[in-house]
């Protein structure tokens, strides 16, 4: 018997008592968000969760699905809210999660990355930025000197 889209979605979710979040267990994208494929389209898992509860056309083009818990793998509907990009950034700043790098930090990232034991993931955690940002820095695609 074929599984429904809801069954396929929720079989990839577990409850994390430590965070209080229903967390996506599938592989995250480069920015640390879960992803889910439906009808040939790849969605961010938290956005698809919102769509499951509110309808497939429930997210206006000018809105993002934001987290109150700041857990990128969270798909708990009660932790999700719709906001503009600006509102999401303000929420990020208010919670102290917005990170602005300096040239000194970028140089430290590049030096640390040249160490064989330092991964892009570890650097992202150390500097509170995404792994994809680290990749862009170490490949000189951004912060070019």
C-alpha atoms as a PDB file:
ATOM      1  CA  UNK A   1       0.000   0.000   0.000  1.00  0.00           C
ATOM      2  CA  UNK A   2       1.343   3.422  -0.965  1.00  0.00           C
ATOM      3  CA  UNK A   3       2.103   5.891   1.841  1.00  0.00           C
ATOM      4  CA  UNK A   4       0.422   9.270   1.989  1.00  0.00           C
ATOM      5  CA  UNK A   5       2.567  12.388   1.789  1.00  0.00           C
ATOM      6  CA  UNK A   6       1.871  12.967   5.488  1.00  0.00           C
ATOM      7  CA  UNK A   7       3.095   9.465   6.360  1.00  0.00           C
ATOM      8  CA  UNK A   8       6.239   9.929   4.281  1.00  0.00           C
ATOM      9  CA  UNK A   9       6.894  13.285   5.951  1.00  0.00           C
ATOM     10  CA  UNK A  10       6.293  12.252   9.583  1.00  0.00           C
ATOM     11  CA  UNK A  11       8.307   9.018   9.336  1.00  0.00           C
ATOM     12  CA  UNK A  12      11.397  11.249   9.091  1.00  0.00           C
ATOM     13  CA  UNK A  13      10.609  13.100  12.343  1.00  0.00           C
ATOM     14  CA  UNK A  14      11.474  12.305  15.958  1.00  0.00           C
ATOM     15  CA  UNK A  15      10.719  14.198  19.154  1.00  0.00           C
ATOM     16  CA  UNK A  16      13.793  15.575  20.925  1.00  0.00           C
ATOM     17  CA  UNK A  17      13.085  15.916  24.663  1.00  0.00           C
ATOM     18  CA  UNK A  18      16.167  18.101  25.124  1.00  0.00           C
ATOM     19  CA  UNK A  19      15.033  20.757  22.636  1.00  0.00           C
ATOM     20  CA  UNK A  20      11.274  20.215  22.877  1.00  0.00           C
ATOM     21  CA  UNK A  21      11.153  20.045  19.092  1.00  0.00           C
ATOM     22  CA  UNK A  22       9.920  17.537  16.565  1.00  0.00           C
ATOM     23  CA  UNK A  23      13.131  17.259  14.545  1.00  0.00           C
ATOM     24  CA  UNK A  24      13.707  16.289  10.960  1.00  0.00           C
ATOM     25  CA  UNK A  25      16.000  13.259  10.757  1.00  0.00           C
ATOM     26  CA  UNK A  26      16.733  13.438   7.037  1.00  0.00           C
ATOM     27  CA  UNK A  27      19.934  14.895   5.675  1.00  0.00           C
ATOM     28  CA  UNK A  28      20.048  18.685   6.007  1.00  0.00           C
ATOM     29  CA  UNK A  29      20.905  21.062   3.189  1.00  0.00           C
ATOM     30  CA  UNK A  30      24.115  23.131   3.231  1.00  0.00           C
ATOM     31  CA  UNK A  31      22.497  25.700   5.521  1.00  0.00           C
ATOM     32  CA  UNK A  32      21.419  23.118   8.097  1.00  0.00           C
ATOM     33  CA  UNK A  33      17.719  22.935   7.238  1.00  0.00           C
ATOM     34  CA  UNK A  34      15.873  19.685   6.611  1.00  0.00           C
ATOM     35  CA  UNK A  35      14.507  19.065   3.143  1.00  0.00           C
ATOM     36  CA  UNK A  36      11.596  17.060   1.794  1.00  0.00           C
ATOM     37  CA  UNK A  37      10.682  16.150  -1.766  1.00  0.00           C
ATOM     38  CA  UNK A  38       7.091  16.324  -2.946  1.00  0.00           C
ATOM     39  CA  UNK A  39       5.787  16.124  -6.536  1.00  0.00           C
ATOM     40  CA  UNK A  40       9.280  16.602  -7.945  1.00  0.00           C
ATOM     41  CA  UNK A  41       9.970  19.737  -5.888  1.00  0.00           C
ATOM     42  CA  UNK A  42      12.396  19.941  -2.948  1.00  0.00           C
ATOM     43  CA  UNK A  43      11.035  21.934   0.000  1.00  0.00           C
ATOM     44  CA  UNK A  44      12.592  22.976   3.269  1.00  0.00           C
ATOM     45  CA  UNK A  45      11.087  20.559   5.803  1.00  0.00           C
ATOM     46  CA  UNK A  46       9.798  23.275   8.138  1.00  0.00           C
ATOM     47  CA  UNK A  47       8.117  25.075   5.213  1.00  0.00           C
ATOM     48  CA  UNK A  48       6.508  21.833   4.085  1.00  0.00           C
ATOM     49  CA  UNK A  49       5.302  21.186   7.637  1.00  0.00           C
ATOM     50  CA  UNK A  50       3.640  24.604   7.630  1.00  0.00           C
ATOM     51  CA  UNK A  51       2.050  23.765   4.290  1.00  0.00           C
ATOM     52  CA  UNK A  52       0.750  20.426   5.643  1.00  0.00           C
ATOM     53  CA  UNK A  53      -1.110  22.257   8.398  1.00  0.00           C
ATOM     54  CA  UNK A  54      -2.224  25.349   6.489  1.00  0.00           C
ATOM     55  CA  UNK A  55      -2.474  24.245   2.856  1.00  0.00           C
ATOM     56  CA  UNK A  56      -0.032  23.888  -0.015  1.00  0.00           C
ATOM     57  CA  UNK A  57      -0.588  27.504  -1.092  1.00  0.00           C
ATOM     58  CA  UNK A  58      -0.499  28.950   2.430  1.00  0.00           C
ATOM     59  CA  UNK A  59       2.857  30.748   2.235  1.00  0.00           C
ATOM     60  CA  UNK A  60       2.727  34.062   0.343  1.00  0.00           C
ATOM     61  CA  UNK A  61       5.717  34.854  -1.879  1.00  0.00           C
ATOM     62  CA  UNK A  62       6.800  37.698   0.412  1.00  0.00           C
ATOM     63  CA  UNK A  63       6.844  35.544   3.575  1.00  0.00           C
ATOM     64  CA  UNK A  64       9.270  33.126   5.185  1.00  0.00           C
ATOM     65  CA  UNK A  65       8.488  30.348   7.645  1.00  0.00           C
ATOM     66  CA  UNK A  66      10.445  31.294  10.762  1.00  0.00           C
ATOM     67  CA  UNK A  67      11.250  29.359  13.955  1.00  0.00           C
ATOM     68  CA  UNK A  68      10.515  30.585  17.479  1.00  0.00           C
ATOM     69  CA  UNK A  69      12.914  27.894  18.741  1.00  0.00           C
ATOM     70  CA  UNK A  70      15.768  28.766  16.337  1.00  0.00           C
ATOM     71  CA  UNK A  71      16.245  25.048  15.615  1.00  0.00           C
ATOM     72  CA  UNK A  72      16.735  24.668  11.867  1.00  0.00           C
ATOM     73  CA  UNK A  73      15.744  20.984  11.956  1.00  0.00           C
ATOM     74  CA  UNK A  74      12.523  21.670  13.900  1.00  0.00           C
ATOM     75  CA  UNK A  75       9.209  20.889  12.213  1.00  0.00           C
ATOM     76  CA  UNK A  76       6.962  21.510  15.225  1.00  0.00           C
ATOM     77  CA  UNK A  77       4.046  23.497  13.824  1.00  0.00           C
ATOM     78  CA  UNK A  78       3.638  25.445  17.075  1.00  0.00           C
ATOM     79  CA  UNK A  79       7.240  26.677  16.722  1.00  0.00           C
ATOM     80  CA  UNK A  80       6.673  28.092  13.238  1.00  0.00           C
ATOM     81  CA  UNK A  81       5.468  31.549  12.238  1.00  0.00           C
ATOM     82  CA  UNK A  82       5.165  33.503   9.016  1.00  0.00           C
ATOM     83  CA  UNK A  83       7.192  36.664   8.681  1.00  0.00           C
ATOM     84  CA  UNK A  84       8.939  38.827   6.138  1.00  0.00           C
ATOM     85  CA  UNK A  85      12.663  38.479   5.594  1.00  0.00           C
ATOM     86  CA  UNK A  86      13.140  41.711   7.537  1.00  0.00           C
ATOM     87  CA  UNK A  87      11.094  40.368  10.478  1.00  0.00           C
ATOM     88  CA  UNK A  88      13.154  37.173  10.443  1.00  0.00           C
ATOM     89  CA  UNK A  89      16.416  39.159  10.517  1.00  0.00           C
ATOM     90  CA  UNK A  90      15.129  41.386  13.344  1.00  0.00           C
ATOM     91  CA  UNK A  91      14.190  38.233  15.293  1.00  0.00           C
ATOM     92  CA  UNK A  92      17.693  36.880  14.644  1.00  0.00           C
ATOM     93  CA  UNK A  93      19.330  40.104  15.874  1.00  0.00           C
ATOM     94  CA  UNK A  94      17.037  40.346  18.927  1.00  0.00           C
ATOM     95  CA  UNK A  95      18.038  36.821  19.945  1.00  0.00           C
ATOM     96  CA  UNK A  96      21.751  37.508  19.471  1.00  0.00           C
ATOM     97  CA  UNK A  97      22.137  35.033  16.605  1.00  0.00           C
ATOM     98  CA  UNK A  98      23.115  37.496  13.902  1.00  0.00           C
ATOM     99  CA  UNK A  99      26.819  37.215  13.232  1.00  0.00           C
ATOM    100  CA  UNK A 100      28.850  39.824  11.416  1.00  0.00           C
ATOM    101  CA  UNK A 101      32.300  38.683  10.405  1.00  0.00           C
ATOM    102  CA  UNK A 102      35.346  40.926  10.352  1.00  0.00           C
ATOM    103  CA  UNK A 103      38.432  40.686   8.150  1.00  0.00           C
ATOM    104  CA  UNK A 104      40.372  39.311  11.130  1.00  0.00           C
ATOM    105  CA  UNK A 105      37.789  36.566  11.584  1.00  0.00           C
ATOM    106  CA  UNK A 106      37.877  35.726   7.866  1.00  0.00           C
ATOM    107  CA  UNK A 107      41.670  35.441   7.995  1.00  0.00           C
ATOM    108  CA  UNK A 108      41.366  33.197  11.075  1.00  0.00           C
ATOM    109  CA  UNK A 109      38.856  31.002   9.202  1.00  0.00           C
ATOM    110  CA  UNK A 110      41.199  30.648   6.236  1.00  0.00           C
ATOM    111  CA  UNK A 111      44.188  29.861   8.446  1.00  0.00           C
ATOM    112  CA  UNK A 112      42.220  27.315  10.494  1.00  0.00           C
ATOM    113  CA  UNK A 113      40.834  25.689   7.351  1.00  0.00           C
ATOM    114  CA  UNK A 114      44.327  25.071   6.061  1.00  0.00           C
ATOM    115  CA  UNK A 115      44.793  22.847   9.140  1.00  0.00           C
ATOM    116  CA  UNK A 116      43.882  19.320   8.038  1.00  0.00           C
ATOM    117  CA  UNK A 117      41.834  18.704  11.213  1.00  0.00           C
ATOM    118  CA  UNK A 118      39.514  21.680  10.779  1.00  0.00           C
ATOM    119  CA  UNK A 119      36.356  21.042   8.774  1.00  0.00           C
ATOM    120  CA  UNK A 120      33.991  23.597   7.306  1.00  0.00           C
ATOM    121  CA  UNK A 121      31.301  22.326   9.688  1.00  0.00           C
ATOM    122  CA  UNK A 122      33.520  22.889  12.745  1.00  0.00           C
ATOM    123  CA  UNK A 123      34.460  26.351  11.539  1.00  0.00           C
ATOM    124  CA  UNK A 124      30.813  27.199  10.959  1.00  0.00           C
ATOM    125  CA  UNK A 125      30.029  26.221  14.533  1.00  0.00           C
ATOM    126  CA  UNK A 126      33.023  28.131  15.911  1.00  0.00           C
ATOM    127  CA  UNK A 127      32.170  31.330  14.048  1.00  0.00           C
ATOM    128  CA  UNK A 128      28.375  30.917  14.239  1.00  0.00           C
ATOM    129  CA  UNK A 129      27.893  30.946  10.471  1.00  0.00           C
ATOM    130  CA  UNK A 130      26.715  28.284   8.034  1.00  0.00           C
ATOM    131  CA  UNK A 131      29.025  25.729   6.471  1.00  0.00           C
ATOM    132  CA  UNK A 132      28.117  27.177   3.087  1.00  0.00           C
ATOM    133  CA  UNK A 133      29.408  30.592   4.227  1.00  0.00           C
ATOM    134  CA  UNK A 134      32.659  28.965   5.319  1.00  0.00           C
ATOM    135  CA  UNK A 135      32.950  27.268   1.921  1.00  0.00           C
ATOM    136  CA  UNK A 136      32.484  30.590   0.130  1.00  0.00           C
ATOM    137  CA  UNK A 137      35.127  32.190   2.348  1.00  0.00           C
ATOM    138  CA  UNK A 138      37.773  29.466   1.983  1.00  0.00           C
ATOM    139  CA  UNK A 139      37.293  29.312  -1.791  1.00  0.00           C
ATOM    140  CA  UNK A 140      37.614  33.114  -2.046  1.00  0.00           C
ATOM    141  CA  UNK A 141      34.157  33.525  -3.571  1.00  0.00           C
ATOM    142  CA  UNK A 142      33.328  36.105  -0.902  1.00  0.00           C
ATOM    143  CA  UNK A 143      35.571  38.267   1.257  1.00  0.00           C
ATOM    144  CA  UNK A 144      38.133  38.595  -1.532  1.00  0.00           C
ATOM    145  CA  UNK A 145      41.287  40.390  -0.551  1.00  0.00           C
END
